[in-house]
C-alpha atoms as a PDB file:
ATOM      1  CA  UNK A   1     -96.504  36.695 112.445  1.00  0.00           C
ATOM      2  CA  UNK A   2     -95.140  33.146 112.916  1.00  0.00           C
ATOM      3  CA  UNK A   3     -96.813  30.142 111.295  1.00  0.00           C
ATOM      4  CA  UNK A   4     -96.217  26.854 113.112  1.00  0.00           C
ATOM      5  CA  UNK A   5     -96.523  23.720 110.952  1.00  0.00           C
ATOM      6  CA  UNK A   6     -97.403  20.614 112.877  1.00  0.00           C
ATOM      7  CA  UNK A   7     -97.029  17.232 111.212  1.00  0.00           C
ATOM      8  CA  UNK A   8    -100.219  15.315 111.372  1.00  0.00           C
ATOM      9  CA  UNK A   9    -100.611  11.566 111.817  1.00  0.00           C
ATOM     10  CA  UNK A  10     -99.494   9.569 108.791  1.00  0.00           C
ATOM     11  CA  UNK A  11    -101.427   6.550 107.495  1.00  0.00           C
ATOM     12  CA  UNK A  12     -99.432   3.340 107.856  1.00  0.00           C
ATOM     13  CA  UNK A  13     -99.209   1.560 104.539  1.00  0.00           C
ATOM     14  CA  UNK A  14     -98.038  -1.925 103.839  1.00  0.00           C
ATOM     15  CA  UNK A  15     -94.339  -2.214 102.943  1.00  0.00           C
ATOM     16  CA  UNK A  16     -95.199  -3.463  99.435  1.00  0.00           C
ATOM     17  CA  UNK A  17     -96.994  -0.184  98.632  1.00  0.00           C
ATOM     18  CA  UNK A  18     -94.171   2.075  99.842  1.00  0.00           C
ATOM     19  CA  UNK A  19     -91.429   0.527  97.764  1.00  0.00           C
ATOM     20  CA  UNK A  20     -90.074   2.844  95.080  1.00  0.00           C
ATOM     21  CA  UNK A  21     -88.733   1.075  91.981  1.00  0.00           C
ATOM     22  CA  UNK A  22     -86.813   2.955  89.234  1.00  0.00           C
ATOM     23  CA  UNK A  23     -88.271   2.647  85.739  1.00  0.00           C
ATOM     24  CA  UNK A  24     -87.078  -0.419  83.973  1.00  0.00           C
ATOM     25  CA  UNK A  25     -85.682  -2.185  87.050  1.00  0.00           C
ATOM     26  CA  UNK A  26     -87.183  -5.470  88.063  1.00  0.00           C
ATOM     27  CA  UNK A  27     -87.385  -6.512  91.661  1.00  0.00           C
ATOM     28  CA  UNK A  28     -86.892 -10.099  92.898  1.00  0.00           C
ATOM     29  CA  UNK A  29     -89.038 -11.268  95.683  1.00  0.00           C
ATOM     30  CA  UNK A  30     -87.400 -12.313  98.953  1.00  0.00           C
ATOM     31  CA  UNK A  31     -88.396 -15.883  98.233  1.00  0.00           C
ATOM     32  CA  UNK A  32     -86.484 -15.981  94.934  1.00  0.00           C
ATOM     33  CA  UNK A  33     -83.474 -18.329  95.130  1.00  0.00           C
ATOM     34  CA  UNK A  34     -81.480 -16.095  92.829  1.00  0.00           C
ATOM     35  CA  UNK A  35     -81.107 -13.546  95.588  1.00  0.00           C
ATOM     36  CA  UNK A  36     -78.997 -16.020  97.499  1.00  0.00           C
ATOM     37  CA  UNK A  37     -76.617 -16.900  94.721  1.00  0.00           C
ATOM     38  CA  UNK A  38     -76.226 -13.733  92.573  1.00  0.00           C
ATOM     39  CA  UNK A  39     -75.017 -11.264  95.179  1.00  0.00           C
ATOM     40  CA  UNK A  40     -72.640  -8.818  93.517  1.00  0.00           C
ATOM     41  CA  UNK A  41     -69.212  -8.459  95.083  1.00  0.00           C
ATOM     42  CA  UNK A  42     -68.214  -4.817  95.338  1.00  0.00           C
ATOM     43  CA  UNK A  43     -64.810  -3.856  93.953  1.00  0.00           C
ATOM     44  CA  UNK A  44     -62.503  -2.249  96.466  1.00  0.00           C
ATOM     45  CA  UNK A  45     -61.005   0.954  94.921  1.00  0.00           C
ATOM     46  CA  UNK A  46     -57.987   0.728  97.196  1.00  0.00           C
ATOM     47  CA  UNK A  47     -56.919  -2.234  95.115  1.00  0.00           C
ATOM     48  CA  UNK A  48     -56.672   0.062  92.071  1.00  0.00           C
ATOM     49  CA  UNK A  49     -54.633   2.551  94.065  1.00  0.00           C
ATOM     50  CA  UNK A  50     -52.161  -0.094  95.177  1.00  0.00           C
ATOM     51  CA  UNK A  51     -51.923  -1.739  91.735  1.00  0.00           C
ATOM     52  CA  UNK A  52     -51.520   1.437  89.737  1.00  0.00           C
ATOM     53  CA  UNK A  53     -49.121   2.992  92.296  1.00  0.00           C
ATOM     54  CA  UNK A  54     -47.003  -0.123  92.328  1.00  0.00           C
ATOM     55  CA  UNK A  55     -46.870  -0.266  88.569  1.00  0.00           C
ATOM     56  CA  UNK A  56     -45.626   3.323  88.299  1.00  0.00           C
ATOM     57  CA  UNK A  57     -43.001   2.688  90.941  1.00  0.00           C
ATOM     58  CA  UNK A  58     -41.711  -0.273  88.885  1.00  0.00           C
ATOM     59  CA  UNK A  59     -41.849   1.802  85.709  1.00  0.00           C
ATOM     60  CA  UNK A  60     -39.915   4.681  87.200  1.00  0.00           C
ATOM     61  CA  UNK A  61     -37.148   2.284  88.258  1.00  0.00           C
ATOM     62  CA  UNK A  62     -37.081   0.511  84.888  1.00  0.00           C
ATOM     63  CA  UNK A  63     -35.589   3.372  82.885  1.00  0.00           C
ATOM     64  CA  UNK A  64     -37.719   2.537  79.810  1.00  0.00           C
ATOM     65  CA  UNK A  65     -40.800   4.428  80.940  1.00  0.00           C
ATOM     66  CA  UNK A  66     -40.721   7.743  79.038  1.00  0.00           C
ATOM     67  CA  UNK A  67     -43.651   9.489  80.681  1.00  0.00           C
ATOM     68  CA  UNK A  68     -45.708  12.064  78.809  1.00  0.00           C
ATOM     69  CA  UNK A  69     -44.089  12.001  75.383  1.00  0.00           C
ATOM     70  CA  UNK A  70     -46.303  12.061  72.289  1.00  0.00           C
ATOM     71  CA  UNK A  71     -46.759   9.433  69.637  1.00  0.00           C
ATOM     72  CA  UNK A  72     -44.677  11.583  67.270  1.00  0.00           C
ATOM     73  CA  UNK A  73     -41.819  11.822  69.806  1.00  0.00           C
ATOM     74  CA  UNK A  74     -41.943   8.016  70.358  1.00  0.00           C
ATOM     75  CA  UNK A  75     -41.832   7.553  66.564  1.00  0.00           C
ATOM     76  CA  UNK A  76     -38.708   9.748  66.336  1.00  0.00           C
ATOM     77  CA  UNK A  77     -36.739   7.907  69.019  1.00  0.00           C
ATOM     78  CA  UNK A  78     -37.734   4.408  67.743  1.00  0.00           C
ATOM     79  CA  UNK A  79     -37.297   5.205  64.036  1.00  0.00           C
ATOM     80  CA  UNK A  80     -33.612   4.213  63.882  1.00  0.00           C
ATOM     81  CA  UNK A  81     -33.839   1.444  66.465  1.00  0.00           C
ATOM     82  CA  UNK A  82     -33.703  -2.277  65.660  1.00  0.00           C
ATOM     83  CA  UNK A  83     -36.990  -4.133  65.247  1.00  0.00           C
ATOM     84  CA  UNK A  84     -38.413  -5.280  68.610  1.00  0.00           C
ATOM     85  CA  UNK A  85     -37.102  -2.192  70.508  1.00  0.00           C
ATOM     86  CA  UNK A  86     -39.839  -0.773  72.728  1.00  0.00           C
ATOM     87  CA  UNK A  87     -40.716   1.810  75.399  1.00  0.00           C
ATOM     88  CA  UNK A  88     -43.730   2.517  77.615  1.00  0.00           C
ATOM     89  CA  UNK A  89     -45.201   6.017  77.765  1.00  0.00           C
ATOM     90  CA  UNK A  90     -48.369   7.814  78.906  1.00  0.00           C
ATOM     91  CA  UNK A  91     -51.292   7.347  76.572  1.00  0.00           C
ATOM     92  CA  UNK A  92     -52.902  10.373  74.978  1.00  0.00           C
ATOM     93  CA  UNK A  93     -56.228   8.474  74.875  1.00  0.00           C
ATOM     94  CA  UNK A  94     -58.530   9.664  77.650  1.00  0.00           C
ATOM     95  CA  UNK A  95     -59.621   6.132  78.568  1.00  0.00           C
ATOM     96  CA  UNK A  96     -56.121   4.606  78.850  1.00  0.00           C
ATOM     97  CA  UNK A  97     -53.192   5.323  81.146  1.00  0.00           C
ATOM     98  CA  UNK A  98     -50.303   3.746  79.210  1.00  0.00           C
ATOM     99  CA  UNK A  99     -49.184   2.891  75.706  1.00  0.00           C
ATOM    100  CA  UNK A 100     -46.539   0.473  74.486  1.00  0.00           C
ATOM    101  CA  UNK A 101     -44.540   1.949  71.578  1.00  0.00           C
ATOM    102  CA  UNK A 102     -42.468  -0.627  69.647  1.00  0.00           C
ATOM    103  CA  UNK A 103     -40.476  -0.795  66.435  1.00  0.00           C
ATOM    104  CA  UNK A 104     -42.097  -3.393  64.215  1.00  0.00           C
ATOM    105  CA  UNK A 105     -41.650  -4.447  60.590  1.00  0.00           C
ATOM    106  CA  UNK A 106     -44.070  -1.668  59.676  1.00  0.00           C
ATOM    107  CA  UNK A 107     -42.120   0.970  61.650  1.00  0.00           C
ATOM    108  CA  UNK A 108     -42.832   2.432  65.057  1.00  0.00           C
ATOM    109  CA  UNK A 109     -46.212   1.273  66.281  1.00  0.00           C
ATOM    110  CA  UNK A 110     -48.332   2.108  69.327  1.00  0.00           C
ATOM    111  CA  UNK A 111     -50.413  -0.398  71.297  1.00  0.00           C
ATOM    112  CA  UNK A 112     -52.614   0.699  74.185  1.00  0.00           C
ATOM    113  CA  UNK A 113     -52.423  -1.084  77.536  1.00  0.00           C
ATOM    114  CA  UNK A 114     -55.763  -1.805  79.139  1.00  0.00           C
ATOM    115  CA  UNK A 115     -56.339  -1.734  82.860  1.00  0.00           C
ATOM    116  CA  UNK A 116     -59.318  -3.288  84.613  1.00  0.00           C
ATOM    117  CA  UNK A 117     -59.888  -4.578  88.126  1.00  0.00           C
ATOM    118  CA  UNK A 118     -56.268  -4.921  89.147  1.00  0.00           C
ATOM    119  CA  UNK A 119     -54.931  -6.320  85.868  1.00  0.00           C
ATOM    120  CA  UNK A 120     -53.179  -5.079  82.761  1.00  0.00           C
ATOM    121  CA  UNK A 121     -53.300  -6.445  79.192  1.00  0.00           C
ATOM    122  CA  UNK A 122     -52.698  -5.353  75.667  1.00  0.00           C
ATOM    123  CA  UNK A 123     -55.502  -3.876  73.690  1.00  0.00           C
ATOM    124  CA  UNK A 124     -56.248  -6.146  70.719  1.00  0.00           C
ATOM    125  CA  UNK A 125     -58.782  -6.542  67.921  1.00  0.00           C
ATOM    126  CA  UNK A 126     -57.791 -10.161  67.332  1.00  0.00           C
ATOM    127  CA  UNK A 127     -60.400 -12.913  67.737  1.00  0.00           C
ATOM    128  CA  UNK A 128     -58.068 -14.257  70.447  1.00  0.00           C
ATOM    129  CA  UNK A 129     -58.682 -11.172  72.585  1.00  0.00           C
ATOM    130  CA  UNK A 130     -60.505 -13.055  75.352  1.00  0.00           C
ATOM    131  CA  UNK A 131     -57.461 -15.358  75.673  1.00  0.00           C
ATOM    132  CA  UNK A 132     -54.903 -12.624  76.035  1.00  0.00           C
ATOM    133  CA  UNK A 133     -52.989 -12.835  79.311  1.00  0.00           C
ATOM    134  CA  UNK A 134     -53.565 -10.331  82.093  1.00  0.00           C
ATOM    135  CA  UNK A 135     -50.839  -9.229  84.520  1.00  0.00           C
ATOM    136  CA  UNK A 136     -50.682  -7.528  87.903  1.00  0.00           C
ATOM    137  CA  UNK A 137     -48.297  -4.848  86.578  1.00  0.00           C
ATOM    138  CA  UNK A 138     -46.904  -3.540  83.330  1.00  0.00           C
ATOM    139  CA  UNK A 139     -43.303  -4.811  83.687  1.00  0.00           C
ATOM    140  CA  UNK A 140     -44.698  -8.342  84.123  1.00  0.00           C
ATOM    141  CA  UNK A 141     -46.730  -7.881  80.936  1.00  0.00           C
ATOM    142  CA  UNK A 142     -43.755  -6.633  78.940  1.00  0.00           C
ATOM    143  CA  UNK A 143     -41.434  -9.321  80.336  1.00  0.00           C
ATOM    144  CA  UNK A 144     -43.905 -11.999  79.320  1.00  0.00           C
ATOM    145  CA  UNK A 145     -43.952 -10.956  75.679  1.00  0.00           C
ATOM    146  CA  UNK A 146     -40.198 -10.474  75.607  1.00  0.00           C
ATOM    147  CA  UNK A 147     -39.640 -13.955  77.068  1.00  0.00           C
ATOM    148  CA  UNK A 148     -42.240 -15.760  74.971  1.00  0.00           C
ATOM    149  CA  UNK A 149     -40.445 -15.028  71.696  1.00  0.00           C
ATOM    150  CA  UNK A 150     -43.803 -15.388  69.884  1.00  0.00           C
ATOM    151  CA  UNK A 151     -45.517 -12.606  68.021  1.00  0.00           C
ATOM    152  CA  UNK A 152     -48.964 -11.494  69.053  1.00  0.00           C
ATOM    153  CA  UNK A 153     -51.444  -9.890  66.687  1.00  0.00           C
ATOM    154  CA  UNK A 154     -52.614  -6.588  68.183  1.00  0.00           C
ATOM    155  CA  UNK A 155     -54.464  -3.504  67.113  1.00  0.00           C
ATOM    156  CA  UNK A 156     -52.425  -0.383  66.451  1.00  0.00           C
ATOM    157  CA  UNK A 157     -53.343   2.839  68.193  1.00  0.00           C
ATOM    158  CA  UNK A 158     -54.686   5.828  66.369  1.00  0.00           C
ATOM    159  CA  UNK A 159     -54.028   8.824  68.543  1.00  0.00           C
ATOM    160  CA  UNK A 160     -56.726  10.898  66.768  1.00  0.00           C
ATOM    161  CA  UNK A 161     -59.517   8.565  67.712  1.00  0.00           C
ATOM    162  CA  UNK A 162     -61.525   9.233  70.876  1.00  0.00           C
ATOM    163  CA  UNK A 163     -62.640   5.546  71.351  1.00  0.00           C
ATOM    164  CA  UNK A 164     -61.233   2.140  70.396  1.00  0.00           C
ATOM    165  CA  UNK A 165     -62.853   0.681  67.302  1.00  0.00           C
ATOM    166  CA  UNK A 166     -62.385  -2.786  65.819  1.00  0.00           C
ATOM    167  CA  UNK A 167     -59.371  -2.508  63.585  1.00  0.00           C
ATOM    168  CA  UNK A 168     -59.419  -3.830  59.972  1.00  0.00           C
ATOM    169  CA  UNK A 169     -56.855  -6.495  59.079  1.00  0.00           C
ATOM    170  CA  UNK A 170     -54.451  -3.957  57.553  1.00  0.00           C
ATOM    171  CA  UNK A 171     -54.236  -2.204  60.918  1.00  0.00           C
ATOM    172  CA  UNK A 172     -53.030  -5.311  62.748  1.00  0.00           C
ATOM    173  CA  UNK A 173     -49.328  -6.011  63.360  1.00  0.00           C
ATOM    174  CA  UNK A 174     -47.379  -8.993  64.689  1.00  0.00           C
ATOM    175  CA  UNK A 175     -45.908  -7.784  67.993  1.00  0.00           C
ATOM    176  CA  UNK A 176     -42.454  -8.969  68.983  1.00  0.00           C
ATOM    177  CA  UNK A 177     -40.620  -7.368  71.915  1.00  0.00           C
ATOM    178  CA  UNK A 178     -36.871  -7.828  72.165  1.00  0.00           C
ATOM    179  CA  UNK A 179     -35.187  -4.974  74.090  1.00  0.00           C
ATOM    180  CA  UNK A 180     -36.189  -1.833  75.949  1.00  0.00           C
ATOM    181  CA  UNK A 181     -35.137   1.649  74.891  1.00  0.00           C
ATOM    182  CA  UNK A 182     -34.054   3.529  78.027  1.00  0.00           C
ATOM    183  CA  UNK A 183     -34.241   7.265  78.423  1.00  0.00           C
ATOM    184  CA  UNK A 184     -30.846   8.965  77.880  1.00  0.00           C
ATOM    185  CA  UNK A 185     -31.008  10.478  81.400  1.00  0.00           C
ATOM    186  CA  UNK A 186     -31.996   7.130  82.938  1.00  0.00           C
ATOM    187  CA  UNK A 187     -28.871   5.125  82.325  1.00  0.00           C
ATOM    188  CA  UNK A 188     -29.028   2.245  84.839  1.00  0.00           C
ATOM    189  CA  UNK A 189     -26.788   2.324  87.850  1.00  0.00           C
ATOM    190  CA  UNK A 190     -24.305  -0.454  88.646  1.00  0.00           C
ATOM    191  CA  UNK A 191     -26.619  -1.563  91.510  1.00  0.00           C
ATOM    192  CA  UNK A 192     -29.614  -1.845  89.143  1.00  0.00           C
ATOM    193  CA  UNK A 193     -27.617  -3.717  86.498  1.00  0.00           C
ATOM    194  CA  UNK A 194     -26.510  -6.153  89.258  1.00  0.00           C
ATOM    195  CA  UNK A 195     -30.114  -6.541  90.296  1.00  0.00           C
ATOM    196  CA  UNK A 196     -31.196  -7.368  86.714  1.00  0.00           C
ATOM    197  CA  UNK A 197     -28.382  -9.974  86.438  1.00  0.00           C
ATOM    198  CA  UNK A 198     -29.499 -11.611  89.650  1.00  0.00           C
ATOM    199  CA  UNK A 199     -33.133 -11.608  88.576  1.00  0.00           C
ATOM    200  CA  UNK A 200     -32.158 -13.318  85.296  1.00  0.00           C
ATOM    201  CA  UNK A 201     -30.194 -16.031  87.086  1.00  0.00           C
ATOM    202  CA  UNK A 202     -32.745 -17.074  89.752  1.00  0.00           C
ATOM    203  CA  UNK A 203     -36.440 -16.816  90.639  1.00  0.00           C
ATOM    204  CA  UNK A 204     -35.852 -17.822  94.257  1.00  0.00           C
ATOM    205  CA  UNK A 205     -34.549 -14.559  95.738  1.00  0.00           C
ATOM    206  CA  UNK A 206     -35.421 -15.603  99.314  1.00  0.00           C
ATOM    207  CA  UNK A 207     -32.912 -18.441  99.082  1.00  0.00           C
ATOM    208  CA  UNK A 208     -29.958 -16.137  98.405  1.00  0.00           C
ATOM    209  CA  UNK A 209     -27.505 -15.693 101.287  1.00  0.00           C
ATOM    210  CA  UNK A 210     -27.892 -11.907 101.320  1.00  0.00           C
ATOM    211  CA  UNK A 211     -28.612  -9.369 104.106  1.00  0.00           C
ATOM    212  CA  UNK A 212     -32.186  -8.242 104.369  1.00  0.00           C
ATOM    213  CA  UNK A 213     -31.533  -4.725 103.000  1.00  0.00           C
ATOM    214  CA  UNK A 214     -30.067  -6.250  99.799  1.00  0.00           C
ATOM    215  CA  UNK A 215     -32.936  -8.720  99.512  1.00  0.00           C
ATOM    216  CA  UNK A 216     -35.399  -5.844  99.864  1.00  0.00           C
ATOM    217  CA  UNK A 217     -33.553  -4.029  97.102  1.00  0.00           C
ATOM    218  CA  UNK A 218     -34.048  -7.024  94.833  1.00  0.00           C
ATOM    219  CA  UNK A 219     -37.727  -7.331  95.745  1.00  0.00           C
ATOM    220  CA  UNK A 220     -38.252  -3.667  94.894  1.00  0.00           C
ATOM    221  CA  UNK A 221     -37.753  -4.557  91.234  1.00  0.00           C
ATOM    222  CA  UNK A 222     -38.217  -8.341  90.623  1.00  0.00           C
ATOM    223  CA  UNK A 223     -37.877  -8.174  86.789  1.00  0.00           C
ATOM    224  CA  UNK A 224     -35.268  -9.035  84.226  1.00  0.00           C
ATOM    225  CA  UNK A 225     -35.298  -5.990  81.963  1.00  0.00           C
END
């Protein structure tokens, strides 16, 4: 036996009675002026893909990105290095991609690198945190702190913690970056060393009398370290 269900006529209700509002969410009327000025701009996720992908291309070319080494391994390779020697590695923290490991006056130290909406900056518990510079890629961040010559107070990373907590004063260090520590198997080529020398001597690459392929090679890594 087949049962046929036929939809009957529905009662037309005013629009104001059919609106479903989640609990705890307020609704602004169409006449409210705030609707005209507070429209939220949606973030394009392709920007994240381009920014993160570009950063890892730069890091791979740098020679001082060590990939998925642990905090203990970073400690071992930095232990005998001069103060200010640094490397970048993958972070073991689930909410961060990268960590800056640097030899400080207190020994090898780890500082997480934050990423948000197309910009990178150092994680810090300092009151100056809102004034920390943000950068479009990690090499630009590192180059800034190497070139500034001024120490920055930052929070050290505890690999055993699942979330970042405000660090007490004794967990803060004065960060000074001086020179990168390159991987043993990533000794820079003569071409890359020449590129670094050119980048240190000028910021106006487009004015150089070089063929386009050579200019493109310089643009592929526009940093000094």
